[in-house]
Amino acid sequence: MNITEIINPKNRNVIAWYPSSGLDFRDLLVLGQKKFIYDNNAFANELLEFEIIPDLFIHNDSAYNVDNWPLLNSGIVFSDDDSEYAILSTNNVFDDDRVVAKYLSIRIDHKLLNKSTNQKLLFVFSDNLLFFTDYVLKLNLTIDFLINIRDGFSENGGADYSMKFLEFFLGKMNTKFIISDNFGREYIENEDLLSNKVIREAFHSTSNHHVVLQGVKEINWSEFGVFQGDAFLIKIHRFGS
């Protein structure tokens, strides 16, 4: 199984991308159904209903590789009062004869809804910036949903750049929604990033159209919410449309 075969734009996948995801699979729960449900309180309110939902989730994190991958090929990986995640199958994914990712089929049991969904997850053993340049830009991927949370750029993180810079490329990626916290924006180094020819050309390309961001919902994504500020679901509109 080759990585470009999975993420080839000709497949017309609706993609959700979560840079520096670690082993956080929450996006599969909250974005894997038409109605956006993220906690018990959501049931008391009018729920947002997505026009599209992802059929391929892409996570990447350079902390993992084929030798230290911590999950079993099948079995339950997380369970609490609200949900349960179980891996149904796992396949190695190659690029130039190297294992560069895992392709997982995951069942999510929504205990609050009394229903289950099956999701496809591609977990890529890659640095954020390399995945962005080598796959997203090179293949001209549409990233319909961007999860831009806890990207590793912190005192204890290992990233060289805050991935908040991706918000300058929402037009290029034709992104429809982002889930983002407020952590890391003060560290965006534009000039250094734009010294990368691939990124600079993408930034200035006519296809990187201007966008308007509309805050939709406030989210407490994890126990780190107090430290990093609340996360938000944001809808992206093309400027002038």
C-alpha atoms as a PDB file:
ATOM      1  CA  MET A   1       0.000   0.000   0.000  1.00  0.00           C
ATOM      2  CA  ASN A   2       1.515   3.316  -1.146  1.00  0.00           C
ATOM      3  CA  ILE A   3       0.846   6.623   0.570  1.00  0.00           C
ATOM      4  CA  THR A   4       0.184   8.570  -2.625  1.00  0.00           C
ATOM      5  CA  GLU A   5      -2.406   5.994  -3.660  1.00  0.00           C
ATOM      6  CA  ILE A   6      -4.327   6.675  -0.445  1.00  0.00           C
ATOM      7  CA  ILE A   7      -4.206  10.472  -0.504  1.00  0.00           C
ATOM      8  CA  ASN A   8      -4.276  11.007  -4.274  1.00  0.00           C
ATOM      9  CA  PRO A   9      -6.642  13.948  -4.988  1.00  0.00           C
ATOM     10  CA  LYS A  10      -8.248  11.868  -7.743  1.00  0.00           C
ATOM     11  CA  ASN A  11      -9.811   9.772  -4.971  1.00  0.00           C
ATOM     12  CA  ARG A  12     -11.829  12.859  -4.012  1.00  0.00           C
ATOM     13  CA  ASN A  13     -11.551  12.128  -0.308  1.00  0.00           C
ATOM     14  CA  VAL A  14     -12.958  14.566   2.222  1.00  0.00           C
ATOM     15  CA  ILE A  15      -9.842  14.983   4.367  1.00  0.00           C
ATOM     16  CA  ALA A  16      -9.353  16.030   7.983  1.00  0.00           C
ATOM     17  CA  TRP A  17      -5.698  16.696   8.850  1.00  0.00           C
ATOM     18  CA  TYR A  18      -4.367  16.812  12.424  1.00  0.00           C
ATOM     19  CA  PRO A  19      -0.668  17.834  12.577  1.00  0.00           C
ATOM     20  CA  SER A  20       1.257  16.685  15.670  1.00  0.00           C
ATOM     21  CA  SER A  21      -1.730  14.642  16.748  1.00  0.00           C
ATOM     22  CA  GLY A  22       0.112  12.294  19.053  1.00  0.00           C
ATOM     23  CA  LEU A  23      -2.347   9.528  19.885  1.00  0.00           C
ATOM     24  CA  ASP A  24      -5.279  11.909  20.218  1.00  0.00           C
ATOM     25  CA  PHE A  25      -8.175  10.499  18.181  1.00  0.00           C
ATOM     26  CA  ARG A  26     -10.829  12.938  19.382  1.00  0.00           C
ATOM     27  CA  ASP A  27     -11.302  14.388  15.903  1.00  0.00           C
ATOM     28  CA  LEU A  28     -12.656  11.035  14.699  1.00  0.00           C
ATOM     29  CA  LEU A  29     -15.374  11.335  17.305  1.00  0.00           C
ATOM     30  CA  VAL A  30     -16.407  14.957  16.868  1.00  0.00           C
ATOM     31  CA  LEU A  31     -16.037  15.232  13.075  1.00  0.00           C
ATOM     32  CA  GLY A  32     -17.127  11.727  12.103  1.00  0.00           C
ATOM     33  CA  GLN A  33     -20.834  12.483  11.916  1.00  0.00           C
ATOM     34  CA  LYS A  34     -23.087  15.117  10.402  1.00  0.00           C
ATOM     35  CA  LYS A  35     -24.001  16.705  13.735  1.00  0.00           C
ATOM     36  CA  PHE A  36     -21.141  18.318  15.612  1.00  0.00           C
ATOM     37  CA  ILE A  37     -21.240  16.844  19.131  1.00  0.00           C
ATOM     38  CA  TYR A  38     -18.330  17.373  21.483  1.00  0.00           C
ATOM     39  CA  ASP A  39     -19.728  17.088  25.010  1.00  0.00           C
ATOM     40  CA  ASN A  40     -22.901  16.430  27.001  1.00  0.00           C
ATOM     41  CA  ASN A  41     -23.911  20.091  26.955  1.00  0.00           C
ATOM     42  CA  ALA A  42     -24.237  20.004  23.175  1.00  0.00           C
ATOM     43  CA  PHE A  43     -27.462  18.038  23.488  1.00  0.00           C
ATOM     44  CA  ALA A  44     -29.164  20.984  25.159  1.00  0.00           C
ATOM     45  CA  ASN A  45     -28.414  23.327  22.265  1.00  0.00           C
ATOM     46  CA  GLU A  46     -29.161  23.582  18.588  1.00  0.00           C
ATOM     47  CA  LEU A  47     -26.482  21.431  16.955  1.00  0.00           C
ATOM     48  CA  LEU A  48     -24.360  22.433  13.997  1.00  0.00           C
ATOM     49  CA  GLU A  49     -24.838  20.108  11.059  1.00  0.00           C
ATOM     50  CA  PHE A  50     -21.971  19.727   8.598  1.00  0.00           C
ATOM     51  CA  GLU A  51     -22.625  19.672   4.869  1.00  0.00           C
ATOM     52  CA  ILE A  52     -19.723  17.245   4.491  1.00  0.00           C
ATOM     53  CA  ILE A  53     -17.878  14.949   6.891  1.00  0.00           C
ATOM     54  CA  PRO A  54     -14.392  13.444   6.517  1.00  0.00           C
ATOM     55  CA  ASP A  55     -13.973  10.016   4.963  1.00  0.00           C
ATOM     56  CA  LEU A  56     -10.206  10.082   5.527  1.00  0.00           C
ATOM     57  CA  PHE A  57      -8.498  11.335   8.669  1.00  0.00           C
ATOM     58  CA  ILE A  58      -4.780  12.087   8.382  1.00  0.00           C
ATOM     59  CA  HIS A  59      -2.626  12.368  11.495  1.00  0.00           C
ATOM     60  CA  ASN A  60       1.099  12.914  11.557  1.00  0.00           C
ATOM     61  CA  ASP A  61       3.695  13.019  14.292  1.00  0.00           C
ATOM     62  CA  SER A  62       7.467  12.687  14.060  1.00  0.00           C
ATOM     63  CA  ALA A  63       7.618  11.133  17.543  1.00  0.00           C
ATOM     64  CA  TYR A  64       6.593   7.770  16.061  1.00  0.00           C
ATOM     65  CA  ASN A  65       8.008   5.404  13.469  1.00  0.00           C
ATOM     66  CA  VAL A  66       7.532   1.801  12.427  1.00  0.00           C
ATOM     67  CA  ASP A  67       9.856   0.613  15.216  1.00  0.00           C
ATOM     68  CA  ASN A  68       8.255   2.436  18.150  1.00  0.00           C
ATOM     69  CA  TRP A  69       4.612   2.400  17.016  1.00  0.00           C
ATOM     70  CA  PRO A  70       2.789   1.776  20.322  1.00  0.00           C
ATOM     71  CA  LEU A  71      -0.593   0.445  19.195  1.00  0.00           C
ATOM     72  CA  LEU A  72      -1.557  -3.130  18.492  1.00  0.00           C
ATOM     73  CA  ASN A  73      -2.839  -4.048  15.043  1.00  0.00           C
ATOM     74  CA  SER A  74      -6.310  -4.558  16.480  1.00  0.00           C
ATOM     75  CA  GLY A  75      -8.174  -4.104  19.736  1.00  0.00           C
ATOM     76  CA  ILE A  76      -9.539  -1.381  22.029  1.00  0.00           C
ATOM     77  CA  VAL A  77      -7.211   1.611  22.383  1.00  0.00           C
ATOM     78  CA  PHE A  78      -9.407   3.947  24.452  1.00  0.00           C
ATOM     79  CA  SER A  79     -12.619   3.725  26.451  1.00  0.00           C
ATOM     80  CA  ASP A  80     -14.495   6.016  28.856  1.00  0.00           C
ATOM     81  CA  ASP A  81     -18.106   6.777  29.775  1.00  0.00           C
ATOM     82  CA  ASP A  82     -18.753   8.628  26.512  1.00  0.00           C
ATOM     83  CA  SER A  83     -16.939   6.683  23.826  1.00  0.00           C
ATOM     84  CA  GLU A  84     -14.776   3.722  22.883  1.00  0.00           C
ATOM     85  CA  TYR A  85     -12.179   3.409  20.126  1.00  0.00           C
ATOM     86  CA  ALA A  86     -11.235   0.033  18.686  1.00  0.00           C
ATOM     87  CA  ILE A  87      -8.760  -0.671  15.882  1.00  0.00           C
ATOM     88  CA  LEU A  88     -10.269  -3.140  13.428  1.00  0.00           C
ATOM     89  CA  SER A  89      -7.257  -3.467  11.129  1.00  0.00           C
ATOM     90  CA  THR A  90      -3.798  -1.983  10.501  1.00  0.00           C
ATOM     91  CA  ASN A  91      -1.685  -1.928   7.340  1.00  0.00           C
ATOM     92  CA  ASN A  92       1.808  -0.626   6.677  1.00  0.00           C
ATOM     93  CA  VAL A  93       2.028   2.193   4.141  1.00  0.00           C
ATOM     94  CA  PHE A  94       5.103   2.631   1.955  1.00  0.00           C
ATOM     95  CA  ASP A  95       6.901   5.378   0.056  1.00  0.00           C
ATOM     96  CA  ASP A  96       9.993   4.318  -1.914  1.00  0.00           C
ATOM     97  CA  ASP A  97      10.039   0.942  -0.154  1.00  0.00           C
ATOM     98  CA  ARG A  98      10.066   2.571   3.296  1.00  0.00           C
ATOM     99  CA  VAL A  99       7.264   2.222   5.827  1.00  0.00           C
ATOM    100  CA  VAL A 100       6.170   5.816   6.296  1.00  0.00           C
ATOM    101  CA  ALA A 101       2.715   5.409   7.818  1.00  0.00           C
ATOM    102  CA  LYS A 102       0.033   3.154   9.251  1.00  0.00           C
ATOM    103  CA  TYR A 103      -3.412   2.859   7.674  1.00  0.00           C
ATOM    104  CA  LEU A 104      -6.009   2.009  10.286  1.00  0.00           C
ATOM    105  CA  SER A 105      -9.669   1.158  10.284  1.00  0.00           C
ATOM    106  CA  ILE A 106     -11.144   2.331  13.584  1.00  0.00           C
ATOM    107  CA  ARG A 107     -14.584   1.777  15.091  1.00  0.00           C
ATOM    108  CA  ILE A 108     -15.862   4.543  17.360  1.00  0.00           C
ATOM    109  CA  ASP A 109     -18.720   3.670  19.676  1.00  0.00           C
ATOM    110  CA  HIS A 110     -20.658   6.806  20.615  1.00  0.00           C
ATOM    111  CA  LYS A 111     -22.115   5.715  23.925  1.00  0.00           C
ATOM    112  CA  LEU A 112     -24.104   8.923  24.373  1.00  0.00           C
ATOM    113  CA  LEU A 113     -25.730   8.434  20.966  1.00  0.00           C
ATOM    114  CA  ASN A 114     -25.912   4.645  21.164  1.00  0.00           C
ATOM    115  CA  LYS A 115     -24.369   4.327  17.706  1.00  0.00           C
ATOM    116  CA  SER A 116     -21.092   3.321  16.070  1.00  0.00           C
ATOM    117  CA  THR A 117     -19.123   4.680  13.131  1.00  0.00           C
ATOM    118  CA  ASN A 118     -16.125   3.270  11.254  1.00  0.00           C
ATOM    119  CA  GLN A 119     -13.371   5.670  10.215  1.00  0.00           C
ATOM    120  CA  LYS A 120     -10.233   5.439   8.081  1.00  0.00           C
ATOM    121  CA  LEU A 121      -7.101   6.925   9.623  1.00  0.00           C
ATOM    122  CA  LEU A 122      -3.752   7.426   7.916  1.00  0.00           C
ATOM    123  CA  PHE A 123      -1.063   8.003  10.561  1.00  0.00           C
ATOM    124  CA  VAL A 124       2.084   9.376   8.916  1.00  0.00           C
ATOM    125  CA  PHE A 125       5.486   9.230  10.621  1.00  0.00           C
ATOM    126  CA  SER A 126       6.452  12.729   9.537  1.00  0.00           C
ATOM    127  CA  ASP A 127       7.434  16.166  10.701  1.00  0.00           C
ATOM    128  CA  ASN A 128       4.637  18.702  10.206  1.00  0.00           C
ATOM    129  CA  LEU A 129       6.528  20.910   7.790  1.00  0.00           C
ATOM    130  CA  LEU A 130       7.689  18.002   5.628  1.00  0.00           C
ATOM    131  CA  PHE A 131       4.187  16.579   5.394  1.00  0.00           C
ATOM    132  CA  PHE A 132       2.880  20.002   4.383  1.00  0.00           C
ATOM    133  CA  THR A 133       5.475  20.521   1.637  1.00  0.00           C
ATOM    134  CA  ASP A 134       5.928  16.937   0.406  1.00  0.00           C
ATOM    135  CA  TYR A 135       2.283  15.868   0.374  1.00  0.00           C
ATOM    136  CA  VAL A 136      -0.213  18.702   0.898  1.00  0.00           C
ATOM    137  CA  LEU A 137       1.469  21.178  -1.460  1.00  0.00           C
ATOM    138  CA  LYS A 138       3.103  18.711  -3.849  1.00  0.00           C
ATOM    139  CA  LEU A 139      -0.140  16.807  -4.432  1.00  0.00           C
ATOM    140  CA  ASN A 140      -2.298  19.940  -4.144  1.00  0.00           C
ATOM    141  CA  LEU A 141      -4.446  18.289  -1.485  1.00  0.00           C
ATOM    142  CA  THR A 142      -7.715  19.777  -0.348  1.00  0.00           C
ATOM    143  CA  ILE A 143      -7.744  19.803   3.467  1.00  0.00           C
ATOM    144  CA  ASP A 144     -11.435  20.181   4.209  1.00  0.00           C
ATOM    145  CA  PHE A 145     -10.972  20.089   7.989  1.00  0.00           C
ATOM    146  CA  LEU A 146      -7.804  21.267   9.765  1.00  0.00           C
ATOM    147  CA  ILE A 147      -7.256  20.413  13.426  1.00  0.00           C
ATOM    148  CA  ASN A 148      -4.615  22.917  14.511  1.00  0.00           C
ATOM    149  CA  ILE A 149      -4.213  22.095  18.208  1.00  0.00           C
ATOM    150  CA  ARG A 150      -1.207  21.364  20.435  1.00  0.00           C
ATOM    151  CA  ASP A 151       1.189  21.203  17.497  1.00  0.00           C
ATOM    152  CA  GLY A 152       4.277  20.604  19.641  1.00  0.00           C
ATOM    153  CA  PHE A 153       5.698  24.129  19.436  1.00  0.00           C
ATOM    154  CA  SER A 154       6.101  24.852  23.126  1.00  0.00           C
ATOM    155  CA  GLU A 155       8.658  24.682  25.870  1.00  0.00           C
ATOM    156  CA  ASN A 156       8.313  20.908  25.971  1.00  0.00           C
ATOM    157  CA  GLY A 157       7.456  20.332  22.327  1.00  0.00           C
ATOM    158  CA  GLY A 158       9.739  19.244  19.547  1.00  0.00           C
ATOM    159  CA  ALA A 159       8.457  21.276  16.599  1.00  0.00           C
ATOM    160  CA  ASP A 160      10.553  23.995  14.967  1.00  0.00           C
ATOM    161  CA  TYR A 161       7.532  26.042  13.882  1.00  0.00           C
ATOM    162  CA  SER A 162       4.101  26.801  15.222  1.00  0.00           C
ATOM    163  CA  MET A 163       1.695  25.221  12.774  1.00  0.00           C
ATOM    164  CA  LYS A 164      -0.604  28.214  13.179  1.00  0.00           C
ATOM    165  CA  PHE A 165       1.171  29.412  10.023  1.00  0.00           C
ATOM    166  CA  LEU A 166      -1.091  26.983   8.138  1.00  0.00           C
ATOM    167  CA  GLU A 167      -3.871  29.523   8.602  1.00  0.00           C
ATOM    168  CA  PHE A 168      -2.096  31.620   5.946  1.00  0.00           C
ATOM    169  CA  PHE A 169      -2.766  28.740   3.510  1.00  0.00           C
ATOM    170  CA  LEU A 170      -6.445  28.043   4.180  1.00  0.00           C
ATOM    171  CA  GLY A 171      -7.290  29.384   0.742  1.00  0.00           C
ATOM    172  CA  LYS A 172      -4.645  27.231  -0.957  1.00  0.00           C
ATOM    173  CA  MET A 173      -5.910  24.113   0.867  1.00  0.00           C
ATOM    174  CA  ASN A 174      -9.591  25.004   0.225  1.00  0.00           C
ATOM    175  CA  THR A 175     -10.258  24.416   3.923  1.00  0.00           C
ATOM    176  CA  LYS A 176     -13.878  24.553   5.087  1.00  0.00           C
ATOM    177  CA  PHE A 177     -13.442  24.252   8.867  1.00  0.00           C
ATOM    178  CA  ILE A 178     -10.637  24.471  11.381  1.00  0.00           C
ATOM    179  CA  ILE A 179     -10.514  23.511  15.042  1.00  0.00           C
ATOM    180  CA  SER A 180      -7.860  25.672  16.659  1.00  0.00           C
ATOM    181  CA  ASP A 181      -6.628  26.901  20.019  1.00  0.00           C
ATOM    182  CA  ASN A 182      -4.903  30.205  20.684  1.00  0.00           C
ATOM    183  CA  PHE A 183      -1.554  28.656  21.545  1.00  0.00           C
ATOM    184  CA  GLY A 184       1.507  29.468  19.453  1.00  0.00           C
ATOM    185  CA  ARG A 185       0.404  32.402  17.316  1.00  0.00           C
ATOM    186  CA  GLU A 186       2.944  34.706  18.928  1.00  0.00           C
ATOM    187  CA  TYR A 187       5.745  32.434  17.668  1.00  0.00           C
ATOM    188  CA  ILE A 188       4.974  32.439  13.955  1.00  0.00           C
ATOM    189  CA  GLU A 189       8.196  33.299  12.093  1.00  0.00           C
ATOM    190  CA  ASN A 190       6.957  34.365   8.667  1.00  0.00           C
ATOM    191  CA  GLU A 191      10.255  35.421   7.132  1.00  0.00           C
ATOM    192  CA  ASP A 192      12.011  32.192   8.075  1.00  0.00           C
ATOM    193  CA  LEU A 193       9.182  30.059   6.701  1.00  0.00           C
ATOM    194  CA  LEU A 194       9.009  32.040   3.465  1.00  0.00           C
ATOM    195  CA  SER A 195      12.696  31.354   2.844  1.00  0.00           C
ATOM    196  CA  ASN A 196      11.479  27.864   1.860  1.00  0.00           C
ATOM    197  CA  LYS A 197      10.902  28.119  -1.905  1.00  0.00           C
ATOM    198  CA  VAL A 198       7.983  25.665  -1.993  1.00  0.00           C
ATOM    199  CA  ILE A 199       6.165  27.454   0.829  1.00  0.00           C
ATOM    200  CA  ARG A 200       6.928  30.913  -0.579  1.00  0.00           C
ATOM    201  CA  GLU A 201       5.565  30.030  -4.017  1.00  0.00           C
ATOM    202  CA  ALA A 202       2.429  28.478  -2.506  1.00  0.00           C
ATOM    203  CA  PHE A 203       1.874  31.529  -0.302  1.00  0.00           C
ATOM    204  CA  HIS A 204       2.063  33.946  -3.249  1.00  0.00           C
ATOM    205  CA  SER A 205       0.172  31.744  -5.732  1.00  0.00           C
ATOM    206  CA  THR A 206      -3.156  32.980  -7.081  1.00  0.00           C
ATOM    207  CA  SER A 207      -4.766  29.765  -5.844  1.00  0.00           C
ATOM    208  CA  ASN A 208      -4.095  30.857  -2.238  1.00  0.00           C
ATOM    209  CA  HIS A 209      -7.231  32.988  -2.210  1.00  0.00           C
ATOM    210  CA  HIS A 210      -8.235  35.237   0.663  1.00  0.00           C
ATOM    211  CA  VAL A 211     -10.619  33.859   3.262  1.00  0.00           C
ATOM    212  CA  VAL A 212     -12.875  35.068   6.059  1.00  0.00           C
ATOM    213  CA  LEU A 213     -12.963  33.187   9.376  1.00  0.00           C
ATOM    214  CA  GLN A 214     -16.266  32.819  11.210  1.00  0.00           C
ATOM    215  CA  GLY A 215     -16.169  31.544  14.795  1.00  0.00           C
ATOM    216  CA  VAL A 216     -18.897  28.940  15.274  1.00  0.00           C
ATOM    217  CA  LYS A 217     -18.438  27.149  18.613  1.00  0.00           C
ATOM    218  CA  GLU A 218     -16.158  27.231  21.626  1.00  0.00           C
ATOM    219  CA  ILE A 219     -14.726  23.854  22.604  1.00  0.00           C
ATOM    220  CA  ASN A 220     -12.897  22.442  25.602  1.00  0.00           C
ATOM    221  CA  TRP A 221     -10.717  20.043  23.644  1.00  0.00           C
ATOM    222  CA  SER A 222      -8.755  18.493  26.496  1.00  0.00           C
ATOM    223  CA  GLU A 223      -7.453  18.945  30.004  1.00  0.00           C
ATOM    224  CA  PHE A 224      -4.911  21.393  28.569  1.00  0.00           C
ATOM    225  CA  GLY A 225      -7.660  23.889  27.750  1.00  0.00           C
ATOM    226  CA  VAL A 226      -7.006  26.103  30.761  1.00  0.00           C
ATOM    227  CA  PHE A 227      -3.303  26.338  29.926  1.00  0.00           C
ATOM    228  CA  GLN A 228      -3.691  26.933  26.208  1.00  0.00           C
ATOM    229  CA  GLY A 229      -6.991  28.763  26.106  1.00  0.00           C
ATOM    230  CA  ASP A 230     -10.242  27.460  24.718  1.00  0.00           C
ATOM    231  CA  ALA A 231     -10.352  25.833  21.313  1.00  0.00           C
ATOM    232  CA  PHE A 232     -12.767  27.004  18.665  1.00  0.00           C
ATOM    233  CA  LEU A 233     -14.576  25.532  15.696  1.00  0.00           C
ATOM    234  CA  ILE A 234     -14.160  28.053  12.884  1.00  0.00           C
ATOM    235  CA  LYS A 235     -15.892  28.049   9.508  1.00  0.00           C
ATOM    236  CA  ILE A 236     -13.921  29.277   6.495  1.00  0.00           C
ATOM    237  CA  HIS A 237     -15.537  31.364   3.780  1.00  0.00           C
ATOM    238  CA  ARG A 238     -13.921  32.404   0.542  1.00  0.00           C
ATOM    239  CA  PHE A 239     -13.546  36.184   0.551  1.00  0.00           C
ATOM    240  CA  GLY A 240     -15.982  37.832  -1.818  1.00  0.00           C
ATOM    241  CA  SER A 241     -18.154  34.738  -2.288  1.00  0.00           C
END
